[in-house]
Amino acid sequence: MANAIMVISPYWYQGTWVFDDEAVGLNKEPFVAGVPEMIDNLVKAIPNARSGFRLIFSSAPFPGYQRELIWVREEYDGNWYEVEGQQMEGWLCPALLRYFDKAPEKLYVKAQQI
């Protein structure tokens, strides 16, 4: 999946951001441990983002990406990433490996209004 651009549509559910992706067997998969705050920061300019938004992500830079996430360490079968240039860190659970063979050194993300 090198250089592939992927899209999910996170939304707010029971106090956190979650997403569904039937193609990889995920339903209401929650973002936890710092990632909800990272998402809040990413979508602050999107009206009604909690009703759902489009999150584009890739392990390679793409035109218009908004944030670069840098791999920090592995912990509990998941991976910690920090936001380049910001004091924000978040843990992505093993569901990340449904999109990549191994945790990428960098992730590039962009949020768009649906």
C-alpha atoms as a PDB file:
ATOM      1  CA  MET A   1       0.000   0.000   0.000  1.00  0.00           C
ATOM      2  CA  ALA A   2       2.952   2.354  -0.397  1.00  0.00           C
ATOM      3  CA  ASN A   3       1.927   5.879  -1.354  1.00  0.00           C
ATOM      4  CA  ALA A   4      -1.765   5.023  -1.157  1.00  0.00           C
ATOM      5  CA  ILE A   5      -4.117   7.740   0.009  1.00  0.00           C
ATOM      6  CA  MET A   6      -6.854   6.490   2.308  1.00  0.00           C
ATOM      7  CA  VAL A   7     -10.049   8.122   3.531  1.00  0.00           C
ATOM      8  CA  ILE A   8     -12.164   7.547   6.636  1.00  0.00           C
ATOM      9  CA  SER A   9     -15.051   9.599   8.031  1.00  0.00           C
ATOM     10  CA  PRO A  10     -14.702  10.113  11.790  1.00  0.00           C
ATOM     11  CA  TYR A  11     -17.630  11.367  13.875  1.00  0.00           C
ATOM     12  CA  TRP A  12     -18.326  12.071  17.550  1.00  0.00           C
ATOM     13  CA  TYR A  13     -19.950   9.201  19.465  1.00  0.00           C
ATOM     14  CA  GLN A  14     -20.343   8.661  23.227  1.00  0.00           C
ATOM     15  CA  GLY A  15     -17.699  11.211  24.179  1.00  0.00           C
ATOM     16  CA  THR A  16     -14.956  10.509  21.647  1.00  0.00           C
ATOM     17  CA  TRP A  17     -14.122  10.421  17.960  1.00  0.00           C
ATOM     18  CA  VAL A  18     -14.844   7.100  16.234  1.00  0.00           C
ATOM     19  CA  PHE A  19     -14.978   5.814  12.669  1.00  0.00           C
ATOM     20  CA  ASP A  20     -16.443   2.937  10.710  1.00  0.00           C
ATOM     21  CA  ASP A  21     -14.661   1.153   7.869  1.00  0.00           C
ATOM     22  CA  GLU A  22     -16.519  -1.911   6.707  1.00  0.00           C
ATOM     23  CA  ALA A  23     -13.739  -2.726   4.213  1.00  0.00           C
ATOM     24  CA  VAL A  24     -11.323  -3.530   7.065  1.00  0.00           C
ATOM     25  CA  GLY A  25     -13.894  -4.759   9.597  1.00  0.00           C
ATOM     26  CA  LEU A  26     -14.078  -1.746  11.911  1.00  0.00           C
ATOM     27  CA  ASN A  27     -17.253  -0.348  13.481  1.00  0.00           C
ATOM     28  CA  LYS A  28     -17.255   2.622  15.878  1.00  0.00           C
ATOM     29  CA  GLU A  29     -13.487   2.213  16.283  1.00  0.00           C
ATOM     30  CA  PRO A  30     -12.521   4.821  18.905  1.00  0.00           C
ATOM     31  CA  PHE A  31      -9.611   7.217  18.855  1.00  0.00           C
ATOM     32  CA  VAL A  32      -8.060   7.384  22.340  1.00  0.00           C
ATOM     33  CA  ALA A  33      -4.990   8.565  24.297  1.00  0.00           C
ATOM     34  CA  GLY A  34      -4.328  12.020  22.904  1.00  0.00           C
ATOM     35  CA  VAL A  35      -5.708  11.446  19.398  1.00  0.00           C
ATOM     36  CA  PRO A  36      -9.132  13.035  20.137  1.00  0.00           C
ATOM     37  CA  GLU A  37      -7.312  16.244  21.084  1.00  0.00           C
ATOM     38  CA  MET A  38      -5.239  16.019  17.896  1.00  0.00           C
ATOM     39  CA  ILE A  39      -8.457  15.652  15.880  1.00  0.00           C
ATOM     40  CA  ASP A  40     -10.115  18.575  17.713  1.00  0.00           C
ATOM     41  CA  ASN A  41      -7.138  20.727  16.719  1.00  0.00           C
ATOM     42  CA  LEU A  42      -7.234  19.495  13.113  1.00  0.00           C
ATOM     43  CA  VAL A  43     -10.967  20.149  12.581  1.00  0.00           C
ATOM     44  CA  LYS A  44     -11.378  23.444  14.457  1.00  0.00           C
ATOM     45  CA  ALA A  45     -12.174  25.299  11.195  1.00  0.00           C
ATOM     46  CA  ILE A  46     -14.745  22.721  10.012  1.00  0.00           C
ATOM     47  CA  PRO A  47     -18.323  23.615  10.979  1.00  0.00           C
ATOM     48  CA  ASN A  48     -20.192  20.768  12.710  1.00  0.00           C
ATOM     49  CA  ALA A  49     -17.182  18.453  12.413  1.00  0.00           C
ATOM     50  CA  ARG A  50     -18.578  16.262  15.191  1.00  0.00           C
ATOM     51  CA  SER A  51     -21.386  15.242  12.832  1.00  0.00           C
ATOM     52  CA  GLY A  52     -18.686  13.782  10.586  1.00  0.00           C
ATOM     53  CA  PHE A  53     -15.812  14.890   8.409  1.00  0.00           C
ATOM     54  CA  ARG A  54     -13.493  13.348   5.850  1.00  0.00           C
ATOM     55  CA  LEU A  55     -10.006  12.402   7.084  1.00  0.00           C
ATOM     56  CA  ILE A  56      -7.486  11.777   4.334  1.00  0.00           C
ATOM     57  CA  PHE A  57      -4.258  10.047   5.355  1.00  0.00           C
ATOM     58  CA  SER A  58      -1.165   8.541   3.802  1.00  0.00           C
ATOM     59  CA  SER A  59       2.349   7.445   4.668  1.00  0.00           C
ATOM     60  CA  ALA A  60       3.613   9.785   1.916  1.00  0.00           C
ATOM     61  CA  PRO A  61       3.109  13.534   1.569  1.00  0.00           C
ATOM     62  CA  PHE A  62       0.257  14.602  -0.708  1.00  0.00           C
ATOM     63  CA  PRO A  63      -0.870  18.031  -1.977  1.00  0.00           C
ATOM     64  CA  GLY A  64      -2.631  20.023   0.724  1.00  0.00           C
ATOM     65  CA  TYR A  65      -1.862  17.803   3.723  1.00  0.00           C
ATOM     66  CA  GLN A  66      -2.344  19.700   6.998  1.00  0.00           C
ATOM     67  CA  ARG A  67      -0.301  17.785   9.551  1.00  0.00           C
ATOM     68  CA  GLU A  68       2.728  15.539   9.588  1.00  0.00           C
ATOM     69  CA  LEU A  69       2.686  12.926  12.337  1.00  0.00           C
ATOM     70  CA  ILE A  70       6.021  11.420  13.326  1.00  0.00           C
ATOM     71  CA  TRP A  71       6.363   7.947  14.836  1.00  0.00           C
ATOM     72  CA  VAL A  72       7.708   8.075  18.385  1.00  0.00           C
ATOM     73  CA  ARG A  73       7.490   4.574  19.882  1.00  0.00           C
ATOM     74  CA  GLU A  74       5.490   1.367  20.081  1.00  0.00           C
ATOM     75  CA  GLU A  75       3.455   0.551  23.190  1.00  0.00           C
ATOM     76  CA  TYR A  76       0.773  -2.069  23.908  1.00  0.00           C
ATOM     77  CA  ASP A  77       0.644  -3.222  20.252  1.00  0.00           C
ATOM     78  CA  GLY A  78      -0.124   0.355  19.200  1.00  0.00           C
ATOM     79  CA  ASN A  79       2.049   3.264  18.165  1.00  0.00           C
ATOM     80  CA  TRP A  80       2.611   6.766  19.511  1.00  0.00           C
ATOM     81  CA  TYR A  81       2.856   9.668  17.061  1.00  0.00           C
ATOM     82  CA  GLU A  82       3.622  13.330  17.641  1.00  0.00           C
ATOM     83  CA  VAL A  83       2.413  16.240  15.566  1.00  0.00           C
ATOM     84  CA  GLU A  84       5.318  17.940  13.803  1.00  0.00           C
ATOM     85  CA  GLY A  85       5.886  21.393  15.302  1.00  0.00           C
ATOM     86  CA  GLN A  86       3.330  20.986  18.096  1.00  0.00           C
ATOM     87  CA  GLN A  87       3.408  19.631  21.622  1.00  0.00           C
ATOM     88  CA  MET A  88       0.784  16.978  20.865  1.00  0.00           C
ATOM     89  CA  GLU A  89       1.184  13.226  21.042  1.00  0.00           C
ATOM     90  CA  GLY A  90      -1.347  10.453  20.493  1.00  0.00           C
ATOM     91  CA  TRP A  91      -1.550   6.664  20.461  1.00  0.00           C
ATOM     92  CA  LEU A  92      -2.933   4.852  17.440  1.00  0.00           C
ATOM     93  CA  CYS A  93      -4.231   1.384  18.268  1.00  0.00           C
ATOM     94  CA  PRO A  94      -3.420  -1.807  16.324  1.00  0.00           C
ATOM     95  CA  ALA A  95      -6.237  -0.943  13.872  1.00  0.00           C
ATOM     96  CA  LEU A  96      -3.539   1.159  12.146  1.00  0.00           C
ATOM     97  CA  LEU A  97      -2.128  -2.137  10.854  1.00  0.00           C
ATOM     98  CA  ARG A  98      -5.330  -2.752   8.900  1.00  0.00           C
ATOM     99  CA  TYR A  99      -4.110   0.055   6.634  1.00  0.00           C
ATOM    100  CA  PHE A 100      -0.335  -0.461   6.699  1.00  0.00           C
ATOM    101  CA  ASP A 101       1.911  -3.545   6.875  1.00  0.00           C
ATOM    102  CA  LYS A 102       3.844  -1.851   9.684  1.00  0.00           C
ATOM    103  CA  ALA A 103       3.521   1.466  11.493  1.00  0.00           C
ATOM    104  CA  PRO A 104       4.756   4.170   9.112  1.00  0.00           C
ATOM    105  CA  GLU A 105       7.596   6.441  10.194  1.00  0.00           C
ATOM    106  CA  LYS A 106       5.376   9.382   9.205  1.00  0.00           C
ATOM    107  CA  LEU A 107       1.678   9.904   8.567  1.00  0.00           C
ATOM    108  CA  TYR A 108       0.286  12.838   6.608  1.00  0.00           C
ATOM    109  CA  VAL A 109      -3.291  13.920   7.291  1.00  0.00           C
ATOM    110  CA  LYS A 110      -5.902  16.353   6.074  1.00  0.00           C
ATOM    111  CA  ALA A 111      -9.434  17.011   7.335  1.00  0.00           C
ATOM    112  CA  GLN A 112     -12.203  18.116   4.968  1.00  0.00           C
ATOM    113  CA  GLN A 113     -15.828  19.000   5.432  1.00  0.00           C
ATOM    114  CA  ILE A 114     -18.180  16.349   4.049  1.00  0.00           C
END
